[in-house]
Amino acid sequence: MPPGGRAHKQAAPESVPVRLPITLGQFLKVAQLVASGGEAKMLVAEGSVRVNGKVEQRRGHKLTAGDVVQVGPVAACVAEDLSQ
């Protein structure tokens, strides 16, 4: 715990509208949580990506609206893009 006894509050994940269905690897790039597909592949393989709080090691994992994807301290929420 940081000095002063207060824990840091994590910001709410940013909502990222996407066309569903979408895989974890695709979403990581669209949400700009990674810079490239290669980086997505590496982070997923090493267990650095969480979906709804659980480690996910499958780049092809299908995401649904409301899923929260986290890489380190940064998170994004899957939102269905209804404008199409």
Protein backbone atom coordinates (compact mmCIF):
# COMPACT_ATOMS: atom_id res chain seq x y z
CA MET A 1 0.00 0.00 0.00
CA PRO A 2 1.35 3.47 -0.81
CA PRO A 3 2.28 5.97 1.90
CA GLY A 4 -0.74 7.41 3.63
CA GLY A 5 -2.49 4.04 3.70
CA ARG A 6 -4.62 4.60 0.59
CA ALA A 7 -4.67 2.21 -2.34
CA HIS A 8 -4.57 3.71 -5.83
CA LYS A 9 -7.91 3.55 -7.58
CA GLN A 10 -7.73 2.04 -11.05
CA ALA A 11 -9.59 4.01 -13.71
CA ALA A 12 -12.63 2.42 -15.33
CA PRO A 13 -11.75 0.63 -18.56
CA GLU A 14 -12.26 2.58 -21.77
CA SER A 15 -15.16 1.32 -23.87
CA VAL A 16 -13.98 0.33 -27.38
CA PRO A 17 -16.71 -0.15 -30.01
CA VAL A 18 -15.94 -3.04 -32.40
CA ARG A 19 -17.71 -5.21 -34.94
CA LEU A 20 -18.48 -8.57 -33.32
CA PRO A 21 -17.38 -11.32 -33.38
CA ILE A 22 -13.77 -10.37 -32.62
CA THR A 23 -10.83 -12.38 -31.34
CA LEU A 24 -8.63 -11.39 -28.44
CA GLY A 25 -5.65 -10.79 -30.75
CA GLN A 26 -7.68 -8.50 -33.02
CA PHE A 27 -9.15 -6.58 -30.09
CA LEU A 28 -5.75 -5.96 -28.53
CA LYS A 29 -4.71 -4.18 -31.73
CA VAL A 30 -7.99 -2.29 -32.29
CA ALA A 31 -8.04 -1.08 -28.67
CA GLN A 32 -4.38 -0.04 -29.04
CA LEU A 33 -3.36 -2.14 -26.07
CA VAL A 34 -0.49 -3.44 -28.24
CA ALA A 35 1.41 -1.96 -31.17
CA SER A 36 1.40 -5.03 -33.42
CA GLY A 37 0.09 -8.52 -33.92
CA GLY A 38 3.49 -9.87 -32.94
CA GLU A 39 3.35 -8.05 -29.63
CA ALA A 40 -0.18 -9.38 -29.05
CA LYS A 41 0.99 -12.93 -29.75
CA MET A 42 3.91 -12.61 -27.32
CA LEU A 43 1.91 -11.05 -24.47
CA VAL A 44 -0.92 -13.57 -24.77
CA ALA A 45 1.52 -16.51 -24.89
CA GLU A 46 3.38 -15.36 -21.78
CA GLY A 47 0.14 -14.94 -19.79
CA SER A 48 0.23 -11.14 -19.54
CA VAL A 49 -3.33 -10.65 -20.82
CA ARG A 50 -6.47 -11.01 -18.71
CA VAL A 51 -10.06 -11.27 -19.88
CA ASN A 52 -12.61 -10.55 -17.16
CA GLY A 53 -9.90 -10.94 -14.54
CA LYS A 54 -8.63 -14.35 -15.73
CA VAL A 55 -5.42 -15.04 -17.66
CA GLU A 56 -6.23 -15.89 -21.28
CA GLN A 57 -3.56 -17.56 -23.41
CA ARG A 58 -5.56 -18.06 -26.62
CA ARG A 59 -5.25 -15.25 -29.19
CA GLY A 60 -8.26 -16.71 -30.98
CA HIS A 61 -10.51 -16.47 -27.91
CA LYS A 62 -13.81 -14.92 -29.06
CA LEU A 63 -14.79 -11.83 -27.08
CA THR A 64 -18.34 -10.64 -26.45
CA ALA A 65 -19.79 -7.25 -25.56
CA GLY A 66 -18.98 -6.37 -21.96
CA ASP A 67 -15.74 -8.36 -21.75
CA VAL A 68 -12.90 -6.45 -20.08
CA VAL A 69 -9.42 -7.03 -21.51
CA GLN A 70 -6.42 -5.99 -19.42
CA VAL A 71 -2.73 -5.73 -20.25
CA GLY A 72 -0.76 -4.62 -17.21
CA PRO A 73 -2.50 -1.62 -15.63
CA VAL A 74 -4.39 -0.71 -18.84
CA ALA A 75 -7.85 -2.12 -19.57
CA ALA A 76 -10.48 -1.80 -22.31
CA CYS A 77 -14.09 -2.95 -22.43
CA VAL A 78 -15.56 -4.57 -25.55
CA ALA A 79 -18.59 -2.65 -26.84
CA GLU A 80 -20.59 -3.68 -29.91
CA ASP A 81 -20.48 -1.11 -32.70
CA LEU A 82 -24.13 -0.79 -33.72
CA SER A 83 -23.49 1.89 -36.35
CA GLN A 84 -22.96 -0.69 -39.10
